[in-house]
Amino acid sequence: MLNRRFDISHVALSQFTYSRIGDRLLRNLSRVLLNGDEEAHVRALRGALVVAAADPEGLSVLGFLRRIPFERVRVDLNLSIQAVNAAIEVLSDTEAAIAQVQAQSLATAVTTAADGSNQLLALRSAGEFPVQQQEIRFFHPQRGISVVADVYVPQQVGEQVGEEETGLPVVVISHGIASNRETFTYLAEHLASHGFGVGVLEHPGTDSARLSQFLGGFDQLPGTQEWLHRPQDISYLLDALAADPQLNAVLDLDRVGLIGQSLGGYTVLAAAGALINPPNLQEQCSAEGELSFNLSLLLQCRATELLASSEEMSLRDPALGGGWPSIPSAAPCLVRPDWLKSKFLP
């Protein structure tokens, strides 16, 4: 394990370690390896990482340790155990959440089979309709730029919808950080083949293009405004669908559901009405004695710069029905837990 090589660009690694999240990780690592997080220690670890990553054979743990410019590296066993236990707790909570979702899904499937309805079970296989896709762009006033999304609709239903009393139910999909709208093409096409209208967003502040620019040294990590802008992307997409005569004619925008992955999980929860919980986030992020290498938590902690007020806030779009994060642990510190328990139902 110590000699395992990782092909990581030293430029990208340098960029990351100078970001706020990267700096926090370095300080935590310094507490484990150098018994403190003084600036000299952080600079030493940053330099060792970058030089080790520049090795033609790749970055390795042993190569990194050898390049730390101190005669002794003393591992703090207590902090190491704390970090490992924290990682295990995150994994256990995630596995428990996934198991609960799977159990509920199985119970729903059994109930569905018992009452003779097979609509949910039918979603496991491809639907009967061919699918057409188009790109739509809309202006996001808070971002000051246009946002792009792909819209998928079933062709035959689209041709016949003028004779129907209601249009297609709509699903909006929100990707995670460093991803893009193409990630969920397969899911959008699958849902559209079953008679759904599907909008797949590309969030410009947290997409794969932005990450590539950052890792190449040409940009910065996403700013704190993304916690507000992402849910707004959903609202403005729905407005754009309503303003498009052809799409509005085939879609039922009174029946809208959401799917989100990772950071997209937070996005759909916030847009669906989850209460943002600044006090809990402040408590989790200001615990000086805590040692965390949890990137999800560190990313959420950046929102403390934005949520200066202790008051709860909601970014709910009244047009939305419900949301479901495909990774259940999305933003557990940022969203108020009792709201999830009492109101968030698949």
Protein backbone atom coordinates (compact mmCIF):
# COMPACT_ATOMS: atom_id res chain seq x y z
CA MET A 1 0.00 0.00 0.00
CA LEU A 2 2.82 2.42 0.86
CA ASN A 3 4.40 1.91 -2.57
CA ARG A 4 1.20 2.01 -4.58
CA ARG A 5 1.50 4.60 -7.34
CA PHE A 6 -1.16 7.20 -8.10
CA ASP A 7 -1.14 9.05 -11.40
CA ILE A 8 -1.96 12.56 -10.17
CA SER A 9 -0.81 15.76 -11.84
CA HIS A 10 1.48 17.78 -9.57
CA VAL A 11 -0.10 20.96 -10.97
CA ALA A 12 -3.59 19.73 -10.09
CA LEU A 13 -2.46 18.63 -6.64
CA SER A 14 -0.81 22.00 -6.01
CA GLN A 15 -4.00 23.79 -7.05
CA PHE A 16 -6.09 21.67 -4.71
CA THR A 17 -3.79 22.11 -1.70
CA TYR A 18 -4.03 25.89 -2.05
CA SER A 19 -7.83 25.77 -1.99
CA ARG A 20 -9.60 26.22 1.34
CA ILE A 21 -10.65 22.58 1.48
CA GLY A 22 -7.16 21.40 0.51
CA ASP A 23 -5.59 23.65 3.14
CA ARG A 24 -7.93 22.24 5.78
CA LEU A 25 -6.98 18.69 4.80
CA LEU A 26 -3.28 19.55 4.98
CA ARG A 27 -3.71 21.03 8.45
CA ASN A 28 -5.49 17.90 9.63
CA LEU A 29 -2.75 15.75 8.11
CA SER A 30 -0.13 17.92 9.81
CA ARG A 31 -1.75 17.28 13.17
CA VAL A 32 -1.41 13.54 12.58
CA LEU A 33 2.14 13.47 11.19
CA LEU A 34 3.82 16.53 12.73
CA ASN A 35 1.86 17.05 15.96
CA GLY A 36 0.64 20.50 14.97
CA ASP A 37 -0.77 22.62 12.19
CA GLU A 38 1.67 25.54 12.19
CA GLU A 39 2.10 27.30 8.85
CA ALA A 40 5.62 25.87 8.43
CA HIS A 41 4.25 22.35 8.80
CA VAL A 42 1.51 22.98 6.25
CA ARG A 43 3.97 24.42 3.74
CA ALA A 44 6.29 21.45 4.26
CA LEU A 45 3.53 18.92 3.62
CA ARG A 46 2.30 20.83 0.57
CA GLY A 47 5.79 20.88 -0.90
CA ALA A 48 6.34 17.19 -0.14
CA LEU A 49 3.08 16.26 -1.84
CA VAL A 50 3.76 18.30 -4.97
CA VAL A 51 7.35 17.05 -5.33
CA ALA A 52 6.25 13.45 -4.76
CA ALA A 53 3.50 13.83 -7.38
CA ALA A 54 6.07 15.14 -9.87
CA ASP A 55 7.99 11.85 -9.65
CA PRO A 56 7.92 10.25 -13.13
CA GLU A 57 6.76 6.98 -11.57
CA GLY A 58 3.83 8.65 -9.82
CA LEU A 59 2.79 9.68 -6.33
CA SER A 60 3.06 7.14 -3.51
CA VAL A 61 2.56 7.36 0.24
CA LEU A 62 6.15 6.33 0.86
CA GLY A 63 7.45 8.83 -1.68
CA PHE A 64 5.47 11.56 0.06
CA LEU A 65 6.76 10.62 3.52
CA ARG A 66 10.36 10.55 2.29
CA ARG A 67 10.05 14.11 1.01
CA ILE A 68 8.80 15.64 4.25
CA PRO A 69 11.72 17.93 5.24
CA PHE A 70 11.90 16.91 8.89
CA GLU A 71 14.21 14.39 10.50
CA ARG A 72 11.35 12.70 12.32
CA VAL A 73 7.74 12.06 11.44
CA ARG A 74 5.82 11.08 14.56
CA VAL A 75 2.35 9.73 13.97
CA ASP A 76 -0.19 10.81 16.58
CA LEU A 77 -1.88 7.49 17.29
CA ASN A 78 -4.90 8.98 19.07
CA LEU A 79 -5.65 11.39 16.22
CA SER A 80 -5.11 8.62 13.68
CA ILE A 81 -7.62 6.41 15.46
CA GLN A 82 -10.05 9.35 15.64
CA ALA A 83 -9.72 9.94 11.88
CA VAL A 84 -10.21 6.25 11.09
CA ASN A 85 -13.24 6.03 13.38
CA ALA A 86 -14.75 9.11 11.76
CA ALA A 87 -14.29 7.56 8.33
CA ILE A 88 -15.83 4.29 9.50
CA GLU A 89 -18.81 6.19 10.95
CA VAL A 90 -19.41 7.97 7.64
CA LEU A 91 -19.27 4.67 5.74
CA SER A 92 -21.53 2.96 8.27
CA ASP A 93 -24.11 5.74 8.15
CA THR A 94 -24.08 5.65 4.36
CA GLU A 95 -24.47 1.87 4.26
CA ALA A 96 -27.32 2.04 6.79
CA ALA A 97 -29.10 4.69 4.72
CA ILE A 98 -28.70 2.66 1.54
CA ALA A 99 -29.99 -0.46 3.30
CA GLN A 100 -33.03 1.46 4.54
CA VAL A 101 -33.78 2.73 1.04
CA GLN A 102 -33.40 -0.78 -0.39
CA ALA A 103 -35.71 -2.21 2.27
CA GLN A 104 -38.35 0.42 1.57
CA SER A 105 -38.01 -0.19 -2.17
CA LEU A 106 -38.51 -3.93 -1.63
CA ALA A 107 -41.55 -3.33 0.57
CA THR A 108 -43.03 -1.05 -2.09
CA ALA A 109 -42.39 -3.66 -4.76
CA VAL A 110 -44.15 -6.34 -2.69
CA THR A 111 -47.13 -4.06 -2.06
CA THR A 112 -47.25 -3.14 -5.74
CA ALA A 113 -47.29 -6.77 -6.78
CA ALA A 114 -49.98 -7.57 -4.21
CA ASP A 115 -52.43 -4.92 -5.39
CA GLY A 116 -52.04 -5.89 -9.03
CA SER A 117 -50.33 -2.70 -10.19
CA ASN A 118 -47.14 -3.14 -12.18
CA GLN A 119 -46.29 0.46 -13.08
CA LEU A 120 -43.35 0.74 -10.69
CA LEU A 121 -42.01 -2.71 -11.53
CA ALA A 122 -42.20 -1.90 -15.24
CA LEU A 123 -39.64 0.88 -14.80
CA ARG A 124 -36.92 -1.75 -14.40
CA SER A 125 -36.93 -2.42 -18.14
CA ALA A 126 -36.87 -0.04 -21.11
CA GLY A 127 -40.16 1.62 -21.99
CA GLU A 128 -42.10 1.43 -25.24
CA PHE A 129 -41.52 4.96 -26.55
CA PRO A 130 -38.65 6.20 -28.72
CA VAL A 131 -37.00 9.25 -27.21
CA GLN A 132 -36.10 12.65 -28.61
CA GLN A 133 -33.65 15.05 -26.99
CA GLN A 134 -33.08 18.77 -27.32
CA GLU A 135 -30.86 21.36 -25.69
CA ILE A 136 -32.37 24.32 -23.89
CA ARG A 137 -30.61 27.42 -22.56
CA PHE A 138 -31.94 29.91 -20.06
CA PHE A 139 -30.59 32.94 -18.24
CA HIS A 140 -29.77 32.73 -14.54
CA PRO A 141 -29.83 36.33 -13.24
CA GLN A 142 -27.93 35.62 -10.01
CA ARG A 143 -25.15 33.84 -11.91
CA GLY A 144 -25.25 36.43 -14.67
CA ILE A 145 -24.82 33.74 -17.35
CA SER A 146 -26.89 31.25 -19.32
CA VAL A 147 -27.33 27.71 -18.03
CA VAL A 148 -27.77 24.74 -20.34
CA ALA A 149 -29.92 21.63 -19.90
CA ASP A 150 -30.96 18.67 -22.03
CA VAL A 151 -34.66 17.86 -22.28
CA TYR A 152 -35.87 14.37 -23.16
CA VAL A 153 -39.44 13.52 -24.18
CA PRO A 154 -41.03 10.40 -25.66
CA GLN A 155 -41.74 10.99 -29.35
CA GLN A 156 -45.08 9.22 -29.70
CA VAL A 157 -46.51 10.71 -26.53
CA GLY A 158 -45.38 14.14 -27.67
CA GLU A 159 -47.30 13.72 -30.93
CA GLN A 160 -50.44 12.56 -29.17
CA VAL A 161 -50.42 14.87 -26.16
CA GLY A 162 -52.57 17.51 -27.87
CA GLU A 163 -55.44 15.05 -27.64
CA GLU A 164 -54.80 14.33 -23.97
CA GLU A 165 -56.15 16.25 -21.01
CA THR A 166 -52.81 16.30 -19.19
CA GLY A 167 -49.20 16.42 -20.27
CA LEU A 168 -46.20 14.36 -19.27
CA PRO A 169 -45.03 14.24 -15.66
CA VAL A 170 -41.63 15.91 -15.37
CA VAL A 171 -38.41 14.75 -13.69
CA VAL A 172 -35.44 17.12 -13.20
CA ILE A 173 -32.00 15.56 -12.63
CA SER A 174 -29.17 17.36 -10.80
CA HIS A 175 -25.61 16.03 -11.13
CA GLY A 176 -22.90 16.01 -8.47
CA ILE A 177 -19.71 18.02 -8.30
CA ALA A 178 -17.22 17.50 -11.16
CA SER A 179 -19.93 15.86 -13.26
CA ASN A 180 -22.14 17.08 -16.13
CA ARG A 181 -25.50 16.51 -17.78
CA GLU A 182 -24.16 13.66 -19.92
CA THR A 183 -23.63 11.57 -16.77
CA PHE A 184 -27.34 10.87 -16.56
CA THR A 185 -28.17 10.48 -20.25
CA TYR A 186 -28.93 6.80 -19.66
CA LEU A 187 -31.40 7.56 -16.88
CA ALA A 188 -33.08 10.41 -18.76
CA GLU A 189 -33.57 8.25 -21.86
CA HIS A 190 -34.90 5.40 -19.73
CA LEU A 191 -37.45 7.57 -17.94
CA ALA A 192 -38.52 9.27 -21.17
CA SER A 193 -39.10 5.87 -22.76
CA HIS A 194 -41.69 5.30 -20.02
CA GLY A 195 -43.57 8.53 -20.71
CA PHE A 196 -41.77 11.10 -18.56
CA GLY A 197 -40.45 14.46 -19.64
CA VAL A 198 -36.92 14.76 -18.24
CA GLY A 199 -34.72 17.83 -17.79
CA VAL A 200 -31.03 17.19 -17.05
CA LEU A 201 -29.20 20.25 -15.77
CA GLU A 202 -25.57 21.21 -16.11
CA HIS A 203 -24.65 23.36 -13.11
CA PRO A 204 -21.91 25.66 -14.47
CA GLY A 205 -20.16 26.35 -11.17
CA THR A 206 -19.62 22.72 -10.21
CA ASP A 207 -19.46 20.79 -13.48
CA SER A 208 -16.60 18.76 -14.94
CA ALA A 209 -15.44 21.65 -17.13
CA ARG A 210 -15.00 23.89 -14.07
CA LEU A 211 -13.00 21.17 -12.27
CA SER A 212 -10.77 20.64 -15.32
CA GLN A 213 -10.04 24.37 -15.44
CA PHE A 214 -9.24 24.36 -11.72
CA LEU A 215 -6.93 21.35 -11.95
CA GLY A 216 -5.20 22.93 -14.92
CA GLY A 217 -4.43 26.03 -12.87
CA PHE A 218 -6.88 28.33 -14.67
CA ASP A 219 -9.71 28.63 -12.15
CA GLN A 220 -10.71 28.28 -8.51
CA LEU A 221 -12.89 25.80 -6.66
CA PRO A 222 -16.64 26.54 -6.60
CA GLY A 223 -17.62 29.49 -4.45
CA THR A 224 -20.07 29.44 -1.58
CA GLN A 225 -22.80 30.96 -3.77
CA GLU A 226 -23.23 27.53 -5.36
CA TRP A 227 -25.29 26.49 -2.34
CA LEU A 228 -27.86 29.07 -3.48
CA HIS A 229 -27.34 28.96 -7.23
CA ARG A 230 -27.84 25.22 -7.67
CA PRO A 231 -31.43 25.08 -6.35
CA GLN A 232 -32.14 28.24 -8.33
CA ASP A 233 -30.96 26.44 -11.48
CA ILE A 234 -33.90 24.07 -11.03
CA SER A 235 -36.39 26.90 -10.59
CA TYR A 236 -35.16 28.76 -13.65
CA LEU A 237 -35.19 25.57 -15.72
CA LEU A 238 -38.86 25.04 -14.85
CA ASP A 239 -39.57 28.65 -15.81
CA ALA A 240 -37.81 28.09 -19.14
CA LEU A 241 -39.85 24.95 -19.81
CA ALA A 242 -43.05 26.86 -19.08
CA ALA A 243 -41.99 29.67 -21.41
CA ASP A 244 -41.23 27.32 -24.31
CA PRO A 245 -44.50 26.86 -26.29
CA GLN A 246 -43.64 23.43 -27.68
CA LEU A 247 -42.35 21.96 -24.42
CA ASN A 248 -45.06 23.56 -22.30
CA ALA A 249 -47.64 21.96 -24.59
CA VAL A 250 -46.42 18.43 -23.83
CA LEU A 251 -45.27 18.74 -20.20
CA ASP A 252 -47.35 18.86 -17.04
CA LEU A 253 -45.38 21.28 -14.88
CA ASP A 254 -47.77 20.74 -12.00
CA ARG A 255 -46.31 17.24 -11.63
CA VAL A 256 -42.57 17.64 -11.10
CA GLY A 257 -40.17 15.27 -9.33
CA LEU A 258 -36.43 15.57 -8.70
CA ILE A 259 -33.43 13.24 -8.71
CA GLY A 260 -30.00 14.31 -7.42
CA GLN A 261 -26.62 12.66 -7.00
CA SER A 262 -24.13 13.68 -4.29
CA LEU A 263 -24.11 17.50 -4.28
CA GLY A 264 -27.14 17.17 -6.54
CA GLY A 265 -28.79 15.41 -3.60
CA TYR A 266 -28.51 18.61 -1.58
CA THR A 267 -29.70 20.58 -4.61
CA VAL A 268 -32.96 18.67 -4.98
CA LEU A 269 -33.60 18.63 -1.23
CA ALA A 270 -33.17 22.40 -1.03
CA ALA A 271 -35.36 23.01 -4.07
CA ALA A 272 -38.01 20.66 -2.65
CA GLY A 273 -38.17 22.65 0.59
CA ALA A 274 -35.54 21.26 2.96
CA LEU A 275 -34.83 23.72 5.75
CA ILE A 276 -31.21 24.86 5.76
CA ASN A 277 -29.81 24.55 9.27
CA PRO A 278 -26.99 27.09 9.98
CA PRO A 279 -26.68 26.36 13.75
CA ASN A 280 -26.03 22.65 13.24
CA LEU A 281 -23.57 23.35 10.44
CA GLN A 282 -21.71 25.91 12.55
CA GLU A 283 -21.47 23.42 15.41
CA GLN A 284 -20.14 20.63 13.20
CA CYS A 285 -17.60 22.85 11.45
CA SER A 286 -16.27 24.74 14.48
CA ALA A 287 -15.37 21.70 16.59
CA GLU A 288 -11.68 22.43 17.11
CA GLY A 289 -10.86 19.04 18.57
CA GLU A 290 -12.37 17.14 15.67
CA LEU A 291 -10.19 15.72 12.94
CA SER A 292 -11.94 15.15 9.64
CA PHE A 293 -10.84 13.95 6.24
CA ASN A 294 -14.47 13.81 5.14
CA LEU A 295 -14.58 15.83 1.90
CA SER A 296 -18.37 16.00 2.03
CA LEU A 297 -18.29 17.67 5.45
CA LEU A 298 -15.48 20.03 4.45
CA LEU A 299 -17.43 21.07 1.37
CA GLN A 300 -20.54 21.71 3.47
CA CYS A 301 -18.47 23.74 5.92
CA ARG A 302 -17.74 26.24 3.16
CA ALA A 303 -21.40 27.18 3.35
CA THR A 304 -20.79 28.71 6.78
CA GLU A 305 -19.23 31.67 4.94
CA LEU A 306 -22.56 32.25 3.25
CA LEU A 307 -24.97 31.41 6.06
CA ALA A 308 -23.86 34.05 8.54
CA SER A 309 -27.34 34.30 10.03
CA SER A 310 -28.47 31.74 12.60
CA GLU A 311 -31.95 31.74 11.10
CA GLU A 312 -33.19 28.79 9.10
CA MET A 313 -33.77 29.38 5.42
CA SER A 314 -35.67 27.67 2.64
CA LEU A 315 -34.96 27.68 -1.10
CA ARG A 316 -38.14 25.81 -1.95
CA ASP A 317 -39.72 26.20 -5.37
CA PRO A 318 -43.52 26.04 -4.90
CA ALA A 319 -43.90 24.28 -8.26
CA LEU A 320 -42.05 21.18 -7.06
CA GLY A 321 -43.60 17.99 -5.82
CA GLY A 322 -40.83 15.90 -4.27
CA GLY A 323 -37.17 15.02 -4.48
CA TRP A 324 -35.01 11.99 -3.95
CA PRO A 325 -31.21 12.07 -3.58
CA SER A 326 -29.61 9.02 -5.18
CA ILE A 327 -26.91 9.22 -2.49
CA PRO A 328 -28.88 9.43 0.79
CA SER A 329 -26.10 11.14 2.80
CA ALA A 330 -26.24 14.34 0.74
CA ALA A 331 -25.55 17.38 2.96
CA PRO A 332 -26.54 15.78 6.30
CA CYS A 333 -25.14 18.70 8.32
CA LEU A 334 -26.59 21.43 6.15
CA VAL A 335 -30.19 20.17 6.04
CA ARG A 336 -32.27 20.02 9.22
CA PRO A 337 -32.60 16.31 10.20
CA ASP A 338 -36.16 16.48 11.53
CA TRP A 339 -37.32 17.97 8.23
CA LEU A 340 -35.88 14.97 6.42
CA LYS A 341 -37.54 12.59 8.85
CA SER A 342 -40.99 14.16 8.84
CA LYS A 343 -41.41 15.54 5.33
CA PHE A 344 -38.97 13.92 2.96
CA LEU A 345 -40.69 10.84 1.61
CA PRO A 346 -39.86 9.01 -1.65
